[in-house]
Protein backbone atom coordinates (compact mmCIF):
# COMPACT_ATOMS: atom_id res chain seq x y z
CA MET A 1 0.20 0.07 0.08
CA THR A 2 1.21 3.47 -0.92
CA ALA A 3 1.70 6.22 1.76
CA SER A 4 -1.30 8.07 0.12
CA GLU A 5 -3.32 5.14 0.60
CA ASN A 6 -2.17 4.87 4.39
CA ALA A 7 -3.90 8.39 4.81
CA LEU A 8 -7.15 7.12 3.42
CA LEU A 9 -10.52 6.08 5.50
CA VAL A 10 -11.28 2.64 4.93
CA SER A 11 -14.33 0.71 5.60
CA SER A 12 -15.57 -2.72 4.98
CA SER A 13 -18.54 -1.78 2.61
CA SER A 14 -17.13 1.28 0.65
CA PRO A 15 -13.90 1.97 -1.19
CA LEU A 16 -11.08 3.93 0.01
CA ILE A 17 -12.52 7.47 0.92
CA PRO A 18 -10.33 10.39 1.09
CA CYS A 19 -9.95 12.49 4.22
CA LEU A 20 -9.98 16.15 4.32
CA LEU A 21 -6.18 16.11 5.48
CA SER A 22 -5.39 13.26 3.01
CA PRO A 23 -2.31 14.04 0.91
CA GLY A 24 -2.73 14.87 -2.81
CA PHE A 25 -4.74 17.87 -4.56
CA GLU A 26 -8.47 16.83 -5.51
CA LEU A 27 -9.61 18.70 -8.20
CA THR A 28 -13.45 17.81 -8.93
CA LEU A 29 -16.29 19.76 -7.28
CA ARG A 30 -18.86 16.84 -7.70
CA PRO A 31 -20.02 14.96 -6.00
CA MET A 32 -19.04 17.36 -3.36
CA ARG A 33 -17.64 16.13 0.11
CA TYR A 34 -17.92 19.09 1.99
CA PRO A 35 -20.83 21.29 1.22
CA GLN A 36 -20.43 23.35 3.92
CA PHE A 37 -17.11 24.92 2.96
CA TYR A 38 -18.86 25.97 -0.36
CA GLU A 39 -21.63 27.70 1.37
CA MET A 40 -18.98 29.46 3.64
CA TYR A 41 -17.45 30.76 0.29
CA ARG A 42 -20.83 31.73 -1.19
CA ASN A 43 -21.48 33.87 1.94
CA ALA A 44 -18.10 35.60 1.95
CA ILE A 45 -18.71 36.71 -1.88
CA ARG A 46 -21.97 38.12 -0.66
CA ASN A 47 -20.50 40.36 2.27
CA THR A 48 -18.23 42.25 -0.06
CA TRP A 49 -16.73 45.69 0.91
CA THR A 50 -14.27 47.99 -0.24
CA VAL A 51 -11.57 50.26 1.69
CA GLU A 52 -13.20 53.27 -0.22
CA GLU A 53 -16.34 53.05 1.64
CA VAL A 54 -14.33 54.20 4.86
CA ASP A 55 -14.17 57.75 5.72
CA PHE A 56 -11.22 58.94 7.71
CA ALA A 57 -11.98 62.75 7.52
CA LEU A 58 -13.43 63.14 11.27
CA ASP A 59 -10.40 60.55 12.40
CA VAL A 60 -8.01 63.27 11.30
CA ASN A 61 -9.60 65.79 13.50
CA ASP A 62 -9.85 63.48 16.54
CA LEU A 63 -6.10 62.73 16.38
CA LYS A 64 -4.99 66.42 16.18
CA HIS A 65 -7.57 67.82 18.90
CA LYS A 66 -9.01 65.21 20.97
CA PHE A 67 -6.02 62.80 21.49
CA GLY A 68 -3.41 63.07 24.70
CA PRO A 69 -0.01 61.82 24.49
CA ALA A 70 -1.38 58.23 26.21
CA GLU A 71 -4.05 57.75 23.29
CA ARG A 72 -1.37 58.75 20.72
CA HIS A 73 0.86 56.26 21.91
CA LEU A 74 -1.98 53.57 22.05
CA ILE A 75 -2.73 54.23 18.41
CA GLU A 76 0.63 54.29 17.08
CA ARG A 77 1.24 50.99 18.54
CA LEU A 78 -2.13 49.65 17.24
CA VAL A 79 -1.24 50.77 13.77
CA ALA A 80 2.01 49.44 13.96
CA PHE A 81 0.91 45.90 14.70
CA PHE A 82 -1.75 46.45 11.74
CA ALA A 83 0.99 47.40 9.38
CA THR A 84 2.00 43.55 9.26
CA GLY A 85 -0.27 41.45 11.20
CA ASP A 86 -2.46 40.42 8.15
CA SER A 87 0.46 39.98 5.74
CA ILE A 88 1.82 37.69 8.14
CA VAL A 89 -1.69 35.61 8.13
CA SER A 90 -1.66 35.88 4.23
CA ASN A 91 1.96 34.19 4.24
CA ASN A 92 0.98 30.86 6.39
CA LEU A 93 -2.19 30.89 4.20
CA VAL A 94 -0.35 30.46 1.13
CA LEU A 95 2.68 28.61 2.19
CA ASN A 96 0.84 26.02 4.53
CA LEU A 97 -2.85 26.12 4.57
CA TYR A 98 -3.68 25.79 0.86
CA GLN A 99 -1.56 23.35 -0.15
CA HIS A 100 -2.73 20.73 2.66
CA ILE A 101 -6.64 21.13 3.11
CA ASN A 102 -7.58 18.68 0.25
CA ALA A 103 -11.05 19.65 -1.18
CA PRO A 104 -11.44 21.96 -3.93
CA GLU A 105 -14.70 23.67 -2.15
CA ALA A 106 -12.36 24.50 0.66
CA ARG A 107 -9.78 25.91 -1.11
CA MET A 108 -12.20 28.05 -2.72
CA TYR A 109 -13.06 29.46 0.65
CA LEU A 110 -9.28 29.87 1.26
CA SER A 111 -8.65 31.63 -2.19
CA ARG A 112 -11.55 33.94 -0.93
CA GLN A 113 -9.95 34.57 2.33
CA LEU A 114 -6.71 35.48 0.79
CA TYR A 115 -8.44 38.36 -1.03
CA GLU A 116 -10.12 39.51 2.19
CA GLU A 117 -6.53 39.46 3.82
CA ALA A 118 -5.38 41.67 0.85
CA LEU A 119 -8.07 44.01 1.46
CA HIS A 120 -7.47 44.51 4.97
CA VAL A 121 -3.72 45.00 4.21
CA GLN A 122 -5.22 47.64 1.73
CA PHE A 123 -7.24 49.01 4.99
CA TYR A 124 -4.38 49.10 7.08
CA LEU A 125 -2.15 50.86 4.63
CA THR A 126 -4.56 53.60 3.99
CA LEU A 127 -5.05 53.61 7.74
CA LEU A 128 -1.27 54.63 8.25
CA ASP A 129 -1.06 56.87 5.35
CA THR A 130 -4.04 58.88 6.81
CA TYR A 131 -2.89 58.71 10.60
CA LEU A 132 1.06 58.89 10.12
CA PRO A 133 1.42 61.57 7.16
CA ASP A 134 5.09 61.77 8.00
CA PRO A 135 7.14 59.28 5.74
CA ASN A 136 9.55 58.88 8.78
CA GLU A 137 6.83 57.62 11.12
CA ARG A 138 5.11 55.16 8.55
CA ALA A 139 8.65 53.47 8.03
CA LYS A 140 9.07 53.22 11.89
CA ALA A 141 5.40 51.49 11.89
CA PHE A 142 6.33 49.33 8.93
CA ALA A 143 9.65 48.22 10.83
CA ALA A 144 7.75 47.52 13.95
CA VAL A 145 8.71 43.81 13.75
CA GLU A 146 12.29 44.76 14.26
CA ASN A 147 12.23 47.43 16.06
CA ILE A 148 9.23 47.40 18.83
CA PRO A 149 9.79 44.49 21.40
CA SER A 150 6.36 43.94 22.08
CA ILE A 151 5.27 43.62 18.65
CA ARG A 152 8.46 41.57 17.62
CA LYS A 153 7.38 38.83 20.48
CA LYS A 154 3.92 38.47 18.75
CA ALA A 155 5.64 38.02 15.35
CA GLU A 156 8.05 35.88 16.63
CA PHE A 157 5.24 33.65 18.08
CA CYS A 158 3.60 33.73 14.58
CA PHE A 159 7.04 32.92 12.62
CA LYS A 160 7.67 29.79 14.95
CA TRP A 161 4.26 28.01 13.94
CA ILE A 162 4.96 29.02 10.53
CA ASP A 163 8.48 27.38 10.58
CA SER A 164 6.76 24.57 12.25
CA ILE A 165 5.33 22.88 9.02
CA GLN A 166 7.49 24.52 6.26
CA ASP A 167 9.17 21.10 5.66
CA LEU A 168 5.88 19.62 5.15
CA GLN A 169 5.22 18.80 1.34
CA ARG A 170 2.50 16.29 2.17
CA LEU A 171 0.71 15.12 5.23
CA GLU A 172 1.71 11.10 5.24
CA THR A 173 1.46 10.61 8.85
CA ARG A 174 -0.58 10.94 12.07
CA GLU A 175 2.20 13.27 13.50
CA GLN A 176 2.36 15.32 10.39
CA ARG A 177 -1.28 15.94 10.33
CA ARG A 178 -1.25 16.80 14.27
CA ARG A 179 1.70 19.49 13.55
CA PHE A 180 -0.59 20.85 10.71
CA LEU A 181 -3.54 21.24 12.97
CA LEU A 182 -1.43 22.99 15.44
CA ASN A 183 -0.79 25.44 12.92
CA LEU A 184 -4.38 25.72 12.09
CA VAL A 185 -5.54 26.46 15.77
CA CYS A 186 -2.44 29.04 16.17
CA PHE A 187 -3.58 31.06 13.28
CA ALA A 188 -7.32 30.93 13.74
CA GLY A 189 -7.33 30.82 17.51
CA CYS A 190 -4.49 32.71 18.61
CA ILE A 191 -3.46 35.18 15.87
CA GLU A 192 -7.15 35.79 14.27
CA GLY A 193 -8.95 35.03 17.40
CA LEU A 194 -6.54 36.44 20.21
CA PHE A 195 -4.20 39.16 18.67
CA PHE A 196 -6.70 40.74 16.34
CA PHE A 197 -9.56 40.57 18.78
CA GLY A 198 -7.30 42.29 21.52
CA ALA A 199 -6.62 45.08 18.86
CA PHE A 200 -10.22 45.41 18.13
CA ALA A 201 -10.91 45.85 21.72
CA TYR A 202 -8.81 49.07 21.68
CA VAL A 203 -10.53 50.14 18.53
CA TYR A 204 -13.93 49.77 20.22
CA TYR A 205 -12.98 51.44 23.26
CA LEU A 206 -12.06 54.50 21.37
CA ARG A 207 -15.53 54.42 19.58
CA SER A 208 -17.18 54.10 23.13
CA ARG A 209 -15.58 57.54 23.59
CA GLY A 210 -16.91 58.89 20.39
CA LEU A 211 -13.49 58.62 18.75
CA LEU A 212 -12.19 57.69 15.51
CA HIS A 213 -15.51 56.67 13.96
CA GLY A 214 -13.65 55.95 10.40
CA LEU A 215 -11.21 53.34 12.10
CA ALA A 216 -14.38 51.72 13.81
CA SER A 217 -16.55 51.43 10.96
CA GLY A 218 -13.61 49.65 8.75
CA THR A 219 -13.01 47.60 11.52
CA ASN A 220 -16.51 46.46 11.80
CA TRP A 221 -15.89 44.80 8.53
CA VAL A 222 -12.42 43.45 9.11
CA PHE A 223 -14.11 41.98 12.67
CA ARG A 224 -16.89 40.02 10.42
CA ASP A 225 -14.25 38.81 8.21
CA GLU A 226 -11.85 37.56 10.84
CA SER A 227 -15.10 35.85 12.56
CA CYS A 228 -15.73 34.11 9.29
CA HIS A 229 -11.76 32.96 8.68
CA MET A 230 -11.96 31.66 12.31
CA ALA A 231 -15.37 29.60 11.71
CA PHE A 232 -13.81 28.18 8.67
CA ALA A 233 -10.84 27.17 10.29
CA PHE A 234 -12.62 25.58 13.39
CA GLU A 235 -14.82 23.61 10.97
CA VAL A 236 -11.84 21.96 9.25
CA ILE A 237 -10.57 20.88 12.36
CA ARG A 238 -13.93 19.57 13.74
CA THR A 239 -14.27 17.79 10.35
CA ALA A 240 -10.60 16.36 10.88
CA ARG A 241 -11.49 15.53 14.15
CA GLU A 242 -14.63 13.53 13.16
CA GLU A 243 -12.67 11.74 10.49
CA GLU A 244 -9.55 11.15 12.44
CA PRO A 245 -10.46 11.10 16.18
CA ASP A 246 -7.41 9.83 17.37
CA LEU A 247 -5.39 13.02 16.32
CA PHE A 248 -7.05 14.86 19.36
CA ASP A 249 -5.55 12.89 22.17
CA ASP A 250 -4.89 14.68 25.59
CA ASP A 251 -1.02 15.33 24.22
CA PHE A 252 -2.69 17.34 21.47
CA ARG A 253 -4.95 19.13 23.84
CA ALA A 254 -1.89 20.00 26.41
CA GLN A 255 -0.33 21.58 23.19
CA VAL A 256 -3.05 23.64 22.16
CA LEU A 257 -3.56 24.89 25.90
CA GLN A 258 0.29 25.51 26.06
CA MET A 259 -0.01 27.49 22.88
CA MET A 260 -3.07 29.25 23.81
CA SER A 261 -1.65 30.45 27.28
CA GLU A 262 1.77 31.49 25.51
CA ALA A 263 -0.58 33.71 22.91
CA VAL A 264 -2.13 35.28 25.96
CA ASP A 265 1.01 36.12 27.67
CA CYS A 266 2.29 38.05 24.18
CA GLU A 267 -0.72 39.94 23.77
CA ALA A 268 -0.70 40.86 27.33
CA ALA A 269 3.03 42.21 26.84
CA PHE A 270 1.78 43.88 23.69
CA ALA A 271 -1.09 45.57 26.05
CA GLU A 272 1.51 46.81 28.86
CA ASP A 273 3.42 48.39 26.11
CA THR A 274 0.14 50.16 24.28
CA LEU A 275 -1.10 51.13 27.57
CA SER A 276 2.03 52.43 29.22
CA GLY A 277 0.87 56.01 29.36
CA GLY A 278 -2.05 55.33 31.54
CA VAL A 279 -5.06 55.48 29.38
CA ALA A 280 -8.48 56.36 31.10
CA GLY A 281 -10.84 53.73 31.35
CA LEU A 282 -8.54 51.03 30.12
CA SER A 283 -6.59 48.90 32.76
CA LEU A 284 -3.77 46.51 31.93
CA ARG A 285 -5.56 43.97 34.73
CA ASP A 286 -8.92 44.15 32.60
CA MET A 287 -7.12 43.83 29.26
CA ARG A 288 -5.58 40.59 30.51
CA GLN A 289 -8.86 39.51 31.78
CA TYR A 290 -10.48 40.27 28.18
CA LEU A 291 -7.54 38.23 26.74
CA GLU A 292 -8.03 35.25 28.70
CA TYR A 293 -11.98 35.45 28.14
CA CYS A 294 -11.12 35.27 24.53
CA ALA A 295 -8.69 32.37 24.92
CA ASP A 296 -11.77 30.45 26.59
CA GLN A 297 -13.92 31.25 24.02
CA ARG A 298 -11.63 29.89 21.38
CA LEU A 299 -10.85 26.67 23.43
CA ALA A 300 -14.47 25.88 23.62
CA GLN A 301 -14.92 26.33 19.94
CA LEU A 302 -12.17 23.59 19.71
CA GLY A 303 -14.40 21.25 21.83
CA MET A 304 -11.77 21.95 24.72
CA LEU A 305 -12.75 22.81 28.61
CA LYS A 306 -12.32 26.61 29.22
CA HIS A 307 -9.05 27.06 31.21
CA PHE A 308 -8.91 30.58 32.45
CA GLY A 309 -12.49 30.87 34.03
CA ALA A 310 -12.54 34.62 32.90
CA ARG A 311 -15.37 36.92 32.29
CA ASN A 312 -15.88 39.58 29.65
CA PRO A 313 -14.78 43.05 31.67
CA PHE A 314 -15.68 45.15 28.59
CA PRO A 315 -19.29 46.27 28.34
CA PHE A 316 -18.52 47.73 25.12
CA MET A 317 -17.60 44.26 23.64
CA ASP A 318 -20.43 42.36 24.81
CA LEU A 319 -22.13 40.82 21.66
CA GLN A 320 -19.95 42.70 19.26
CA ASP A 321 -19.69 39.96 16.68
CA VAL A 322 -23.49 39.57 16.67
CA GLN A 323 -24.30 43.29 17.21
CA GLU A 324 -22.02 44.12 14.21
CA LEU A 325 -22.87 41.22 11.86
CA THR A 326 -26.73 42.20 12.53
CA ASN A 327 -25.91 46.16 11.91
CA PHE A 328 -23.91 45.29 8.82
CA PHE A 329 -26.53 43.40 6.95
CA GLU A 330 -29.56 45.84 8.10
CA ARG A 331 -27.18 48.87 6.79
CA ARG A 332 -26.03 47.27 3.62
CA VAL A 333 -28.33 44.72 2.04
CA SER A 334 -30.43 46.67 -0.39
CA ALA A 335 -27.42 48.91 -1.71
CA TYR A 336 -24.32 46.58 -1.34
CA GLN A 337 -24.74 43.09 -1.05
CA VAL A 338 -23.87 41.29 -4.05
CA GLY A 339 -26.06 38.73 -5.39
CA VAL A 340 -25.17 35.07 -5.71
CA GLN A 341 -27.19 33.34 -8.37
CA GLY A 342 -28.06 29.73 -8.81
CA GLU A 343 -28.07 26.42 -6.83
CA VAL A 344 -25.52 23.64 -6.82
CA GLY A 345 -26.34 19.91 -6.24
CA PHE A 346 -23.93 18.68 -3.88
CA ASP A 347 -24.38 15.10 -4.62
CA HIS A 348 -24.26 15.57 -8.65
CA ALA A 349 -21.90 13.85 -10.76
CA PHE A 350 -20.40 15.02 -13.98
């Protein structure tokens, strides 16, 4: 039996059936094995937005006239993280995720996600050009990975998990599939689900004070996209667990918990830097509690027990995802939602 066949599920009453993480590159959409991924792709297409819709005019006035030194430091650190954060996510998607999730309908979603990551990069580029008109200040923001220790620490965490599977050309063994899934957990649960959610909390705190409505408006759409990216990744993980339950043993869960704890520490160090000037209404203790709350939410989404037992300390973040998704659809359905026509039969053969 070949190495590829070793990675297939076998039953006594059916031929060899490829798993989601089987080596290879399935090409045909019909019969469709994972229609949930195709529906995620269709939903993403419906919810298209553009950077040109974001109006930063009022933000410039806020930055000039309503920000003190502590708030300016906060926003400078925030945009410095944004400058490269989604580029790192994009690199991992292209280098690691696309080649190993072996279903064409899932790769359709990943292609759409890559477009959305590029859109986020454009949004943050426009944000930096607007907030930091001085070219030297912009250059410092783009070099933050090398020059700002709290951002460098987060980047090193990301690169460690990118590098962890760089040598994997095919997921031939159980251990290789576990390594791949840990990378996916890192990027969905820790980077998109913790690092970015921590950043969103700063944005929505400023919005609660009536500041930077342009940034908050664009962040609403980024927030929605990131929530969908997480939902896709967690569905990949759930499907892999259903197909190969032996991948998710006590050792795997222990590695996930250690990873999540390290991510909380990285983001808490960033919070210590970001809030070092003393921002009224935001404490380091509350920020860490919020990060632990987010980490517990991600563990629950992975089917694991919550670890930190933290509650959300920020009223302005309560039901943020539900609120913003609802507001988005109410605001944009008639004018902006892109129609997706036609139905697809998931069990059709050519």
